[in-house]
Amino acid sequence: MLAYRLPREPSTPRITVWRRLKRLGVAQLSDGLVALPFDSRTLEALEWIAEEVTEAGGEATIWIGEPASQGQARALVRRMAGAISKEYARVIDEALLAQECELKVRRRTVGRLRRELRRIRRRDYFPPAERERAEAAVEELAAALDPQVTV
């Protein structure tokens, strides 16, 4: 967990920190308190953000902890997986819509959706069923382009 507090002004550091946390896929537990599953990658990422917070004149501490009950842990996992699930659903929808577009648009869409899948996977700590469906939808769109396009 990262507990942090930043001065209200200037707002740029607050926005920058929030965007970085969002890219990591944190669960917002309360104002100024976020959580991620514990591993060396997430710990290092939070350490970098904590350093940014202190350099911007704020305060930051990193805590290693766990929910007090299995029910709380499951609720947190559901919340994080649910957010990612919505992102995968958008990829599925875009891949299906792109099938109706002209070839040039479909090619660009395949590249963009593949990049989007990579971004989502980086913060997908508890993969939902939509992950496989999104990957399959993008593969299907790519396969429909022409036989030389590999997935």
C-alpha atoms as a PDB file:
ATOM      1  CA  MET A   1       0.000   0.000   0.000  1.00  0.00           C
ATOM      2  CA  LEU A   2       1.066   3.553  -0.597  1.00  0.00           C
ATOM      3  CA  ALA A   3      -0.179   6.279   1.710  1.00  0.00           C
ATOM      4  CA  TYR A   4       0.570   9.711   0.316  1.00  0.00           C
ATOM      5  CA  ARG A   5      -0.307  13.364   0.665  1.00  0.00           C
ATOM      6  CA  LEU A   6       0.609  16.146  -1.712  1.00  0.00           C
ATOM      7  CA  PRO A   7       0.118  19.893  -1.446  1.00  0.00           C
ATOM      8  CA  ARG A   8      -2.906  21.151  -3.399  1.00  0.00           C
ATOM      9  CA  GLU A   9      -0.808  23.716  -5.271  1.00  0.00           C
ATOM     10  CA  PRO A  10       0.738  23.319  -7.695  1.00  0.00           C
ATOM     11  CA  SER A  11      -1.658  20.709  -9.033  1.00  0.00           C
ATOM     12  CA  THR A  12       0.715  19.246 -11.645  1.00  0.00           C
ATOM     13  CA  PRO A  13       2.486  16.833  -9.249  1.00  0.00           C
ATOM     14  CA  ARG A  14      -0.881  15.567  -7.958  1.00  0.00           C
ATOM     15  CA  ILE A  15      -2.079  14.916 -11.492  1.00  0.00           C
ATOM     16  CA  THR A  16       1.195  13.258 -12.470  1.00  0.00           C
ATOM     17  CA  VAL A  17       1.138  10.957  -9.436  1.00  0.00           C
ATOM     18  CA  TRP A  18      -2.497  10.035 -10.002  1.00  0.00           C
ATOM     19  CA  ARG A  19      -1.857   9.192 -13.662  1.00  0.00           C
ATOM     20  CA  ARG A  20       1.108   6.981 -12.739  1.00  0.00           C
ATOM     21  CA  LEU A  21      -0.948   5.194 -10.088  1.00  0.00           C
ATOM     22  CA  LYS A  22      -3.780   4.667 -12.542  1.00  0.00           C
ATOM     23  CA  ARG A  23      -1.352   3.172 -15.116  1.00  0.00           C
ATOM     24  CA  LEU A  24      -0.231   0.731 -12.420  1.00  0.00           C
ATOM     25  CA  GLY A  25      -3.825  -0.358 -11.821  1.00  0.00           C
ATOM     26  CA  VAL A  26      -3.976   0.512  -8.130  1.00  0.00           C
ATOM     27  CA  ALA A  27      -7.056   0.008  -6.019  1.00  0.00           C
ATOM     28  CA  GLN A  28      -8.024   3.300  -4.377  1.00  0.00           C
ATOM     29  CA  LEU A  29      -8.782   2.380  -0.755  1.00  0.00           C
ATOM     30  CA  SER A  30      -9.395   5.940   0.392  1.00  0.00           C
ATOM     31  CA  ASP A  31      -8.188   9.423  -0.380  1.00  0.00           C
ATOM     32  CA  GLY A  32      -4.390   9.174  -0.490  1.00  0.00           C
ATOM     33  CA  LEU A  33      -4.283   5.421   0.111  1.00  0.00           C
ATOM     34  CA  VAL A  34      -3.831   2.925  -2.725  1.00  0.00           C
ATOM     35  CA  ALA A  35      -3.037  -0.777  -2.865  1.00  0.00           C
ATOM     36  CA  LEU A  36      -1.462  -3.267  -5.246  1.00  0.00           C
ATOM     37  CA  PRO A  37      -0.715  -6.974  -4.939  1.00  0.00           C
ATOM     38  CA  PHE A  38       2.720  -7.422  -3.394  1.00  0.00           C
ATOM     39  CA  ASP A  39       5.641  -8.421  -5.595  1.00  0.00           C
ATOM     40  CA  SER A  40       9.025  -6.919  -6.403  1.00  0.00           C
ATOM     41  CA  ARG A  41       7.718  -5.112  -9.503  1.00  0.00           C
ATOM     42  CA  THR A  42       4.833  -3.380  -7.730  1.00  0.00           C
ATOM     43  CA  LEU A  43       6.990  -2.535  -4.718  1.00  0.00           C
ATOM     44  CA  GLU A  44       9.587  -0.889  -6.932  1.00  0.00           C
ATOM     45  CA  ALA A  45       6.914   1.042  -8.830  1.00  0.00           C
ATOM     46  CA  LEU A  46       5.411   2.340  -5.590  1.00  0.00           C
ATOM     47  CA  GLU A  47       8.875   3.274  -4.315  1.00  0.00           C
ATOM     48  CA  TRP A  48       9.448   5.415  -7.414  1.00  0.00           C
ATOM     49  CA  ILE A  49       6.105   7.127  -6.984  1.00  0.00           C
ATOM     50  CA  ALA A  50       6.753   7.702  -3.270  1.00  0.00           C
ATOM     51  CA  GLU A  51      10.022   9.376  -4.199  1.00  0.00           C
ATOM     52  CA  GLU A  52       8.199  11.634  -6.666  1.00  0.00           C
ATOM     53  CA  VAL A  53       5.706  12.569  -3.972  1.00  0.00           C
ATOM     54  CA  THR A  54       8.430  13.585  -1.513  1.00  0.00           C
ATOM     55  CA  GLU A  55      10.332  15.495  -4.213  1.00  0.00           C
ATOM     56  CA  ALA A  56       7.129  17.456  -4.883  1.00  0.00           C
ATOM     57  CA  GLY A  57       6.935  18.458  -1.213  1.00  0.00           C
ATOM     58  CA  GLY A  58       4.535  15.766  -0.095  1.00  0.00           C
ATOM     59  CA  GLU A  59       4.676  12.814   2.248  1.00  0.00           C
ATOM     60  CA  ALA A  60       4.602   9.143   1.269  1.00  0.00           C
ATOM     61  CA  THR A  61       4.952   5.835   3.059  1.00  0.00           C
ATOM     62  CA  ILE A  62       4.780   2.317   1.724  1.00  0.00           C
ATOM     63  CA  TRP A  63       3.138  -0.405   3.785  1.00  0.00           C
ATOM     64  CA  ILE A  64       3.095  -4.130   3.294  1.00  0.00           C
ATOM     65  CA  GLY A  65      -0.134  -5.553   4.608  1.00  0.00           C
ATOM     66  CA  GLU A  66      -3.103  -7.709   3.873  1.00  0.00           C
ATOM     67  CA  PRO A  67      -6.841  -7.471   4.402  1.00  0.00           C
ATOM     68  CA  ALA A  68      -8.033  -8.666   7.800  1.00  0.00           C
ATOM     69  CA  SER A  69     -10.433 -11.222   6.324  1.00  0.00           C
ATOM     70  CA  GLN A  70     -10.736 -13.419   3.262  1.00  0.00           C
ATOM     71  CA  GLY A  71     -13.992 -11.655   2.435  1.00  0.00           C
ATOM     72  CA  GLN A  72     -12.220  -8.296   2.293  1.00  0.00           C
ATOM     73  CA  ALA A  73      -9.457  -9.792   0.158  1.00  0.00           C
ATOM     74  CA  ARG A  74     -11.996 -11.290  -2.260  1.00  0.00           C
ATOM     75  CA  ALA A  75     -13.873  -7.978  -2.474  1.00  0.00           C
ATOM     76  CA  LEU A  76     -10.655  -6.138  -3.322  1.00  0.00           C
ATOM     77  CA  VAL A  77      -9.729  -8.721  -5.976  1.00  0.00           C
ATOM     78  CA  ARG A  78     -13.253  -8.490  -7.464  1.00  0.00           C
ATOM     79  CA  ARG A  79     -13.011  -4.711  -7.583  1.00  0.00           C
ATOM     80  CA  MET A  80      -9.616  -4.740  -9.306  1.00  0.00           C
ATOM     81  CA  ALA A  81     -10.612  -7.515 -11.734  1.00  0.00           C
ATOM     82  CA  GLY A  82     -13.895  -5.744 -12.487  1.00  0.00           C
ATOM     83  CA  ALA A  83     -12.123  -2.564 -13.524  1.00  0.00           C
ATOM     84  CA  ILE A  84      -9.792  -4.490 -15.829  1.00  0.00           C
ATOM     85  CA  SER A  85     -12.717  -6.523 -17.154  1.00  0.00           C
ATOM     86  CA  LYS A  86     -14.356  -3.315 -18.412  1.00  0.00           C
ATOM     87  CA  GLU A  87     -11.181  -2.376 -20.259  1.00  0.00           C
ATOM     88  CA  TYR A  88     -11.051  -5.783 -21.950  1.00  0.00           C
ATOM     89  CA  ALA A  89     -14.736  -5.426 -22.862  1.00  0.00           C
ATOM     90  CA  ARG A  90     -13.944  -2.146 -24.645  1.00  0.00           C
ATOM     91  CA  VAL A  91     -11.196  -3.905 -26.627  1.00  0.00           C
ATOM     92  CA  ILE A  92     -13.652  -6.649 -27.613  1.00  0.00           C
ATOM     93  CA  ASP A  93     -16.218  -4.061 -28.740  1.00  0.00           C
ATOM     94  CA  GLU A  94     -13.639  -2.139 -30.774  1.00  0.00           C
ATOM     95  CA  ALA A  95     -12.361  -5.316 -32.447  1.00  0.00           C
ATOM     96  CA  LEU A  96     -15.904  -6.304 -33.406  1.00  0.00           C
ATOM     97  CA  LEU A  97     -16.688  -2.834 -34.757  1.00  0.00           C
ATOM     98  CA  ALA A  98     -13.447  -2.746 -36.740  1.00  0.00           C
ATOM     99  CA  GLN A  99     -14.426  -5.899 -38.646  1.00  0.00           C
ATOM    100  CA  GLU A 100     -16.902  -3.737 -40.564  1.00  0.00           C
ATOM    101  CA  CYS A 101     -14.300  -1.106 -41.504  1.00  0.00           C
ATOM    102  CA  GLU A 102     -12.133  -0.863 -44.585  1.00  0.00           C
ATOM    103  CA  LEU A 103      -8.853  -2.771 -44.701  1.00  0.00           C
ATOM    104  CA  LYS A 104      -6.594   0.209 -43.897  1.00  0.00           C
ATOM    105  CA  VAL A 105      -8.622   1.073 -40.790  1.00  0.00           C
ATOM    106  CA  ARG A 106      -8.630  -2.558 -39.653  1.00  0.00           C
ATOM    107  CA  ARG A 107      -4.826  -2.761 -39.942  1.00  0.00           C
ATOM    108  CA  ARG A 108      -4.380   0.359 -37.788  1.00  0.00           C
ATOM    109  CA  THR A 109      -6.944  -0.910 -35.329  1.00  0.00           C
ATOM    110  CA  VAL A 110      -5.154  -4.250 -34.918  1.00  0.00           C
ATOM    111  CA  GLY A 111      -1.907  -2.467 -34.035  1.00  0.00           C
ATOM    112  CA  ARG A 112      -3.630  -0.093 -31.643  1.00  0.00           C
ATOM    113  CA  LEU A 113      -5.597  -2.869 -29.937  1.00  0.00           C
ATOM    114  CA  ARG A 114      -2.486  -5.005 -29.535  1.00  0.00           C
ATOM    115  CA  ARG A 115      -0.748  -2.066 -27.812  1.00  0.00           C
ATOM    116  CA  GLU A 116      -3.816  -1.544 -25.649  1.00  0.00           C
ATOM    117  CA  LEU A 117      -3.849  -5.229 -24.650  1.00  0.00           C
ATOM    118  CA  ARG A 118      -0.195  -4.952 -23.574  1.00  0.00           C
ATOM    119  CA  ARG A 119      -1.004  -1.872 -21.455  1.00  0.00           C
ATOM    120  CA  ILE A 120      -3.966  -3.599 -19.831  1.00  0.00           C
ATOM    121  CA  ARG A 121      -1.995  -6.820 -19.151  1.00  0.00           C
ATOM    122  CA  ARG A 122       0.651  -4.830 -17.229  1.00  0.00           C
ATOM    123  CA  ARG A 123      -1.965  -3.913 -14.631  1.00  0.00           C
ATOM    124  CA  ASP A 124      -4.027  -7.102 -14.819  1.00  0.00           C
ATOM    125  CA  TYR A 125      -3.147  -8.742 -11.517  1.00  0.00           C
ATOM    126  CA  PHE A 126      -6.241 -10.980 -11.375  1.00  0.00           C
ATOM    127  CA  PRO A 127      -7.082 -11.903 -14.992  1.00  0.00           C
ATOM    128  CA  PRO A 128     -10.826 -12.058 -15.697  1.00  0.00           C
ATOM    129  CA  ALA A 129     -12.422 -14.237 -18.382  1.00  0.00           C
ATOM    130  CA  GLU A 130     -12.641 -11.195 -20.657  1.00  0.00           C
ATOM    131  CA  ARG A 131      -8.863 -11.262 -21.080  1.00  0.00           C
ATOM    132  CA  GLU A 132      -8.957 -14.377 -23.249  1.00  0.00           C
ATOM    133  CA  ARG A 133     -12.003 -13.112 -25.139  1.00  0.00           C
ATOM    134  CA  ALA A 134     -10.295  -9.784 -25.874  1.00  0.00           C
ATOM    135  CA  GLU A 135      -7.133 -11.495 -27.075  1.00  0.00           C
ATOM    136  CA  ALA A 136      -9.203 -13.814 -29.281  1.00  0.00           C
ATOM    137  CA  ALA A 137     -11.183 -10.891 -30.733  1.00  0.00           C
ATOM    138  CA  VAL A 138      -7.986  -9.062 -31.701  1.00  0.00           C
ATOM    139  CA  GLU A 139      -6.480 -12.268 -33.130  1.00  0.00           C
ATOM    140  CA  GLU A 140      -9.618 -12.833 -35.175  1.00  0.00           C
ATOM    141  CA  LEU A 141      -9.480  -9.282 -36.521  1.00  0.00           C
ATOM    142  CA  ALA A 142      -5.789  -9.726 -37.423  1.00  0.00           C
ATOM    143  CA  ALA A 143      -6.394 -13.099 -39.092  1.00  0.00           C
ATOM    144  CA  ALA A 144      -9.125 -11.586 -41.249  1.00  0.00           C
ATOM    145  CA  LEU A 145      -6.721  -8.999 -42.710  1.00  0.00           C
ATOM    146  CA  ASP A 146      -4.784 -11.411 -44.879  1.00  0.00           C
ATOM    147  CA  PRO A 147      -2.880 -14.691 -44.573  1.00  0.00           C
ATOM    148  CA  GLN A 148       0.513 -12.957 -44.181  1.00  0.00           C
ATOM    149  CA  VAL A 149      -0.496 -11.172 -40.982  1.00  0.00           C
ATOM    150  CA  THR A 150       0.549 -13.243 -37.982  1.00  0.00           C
ATOM    151  CA  VAL A 151      -0.850 -12.870 -34.536  1.00  0.00           C
END
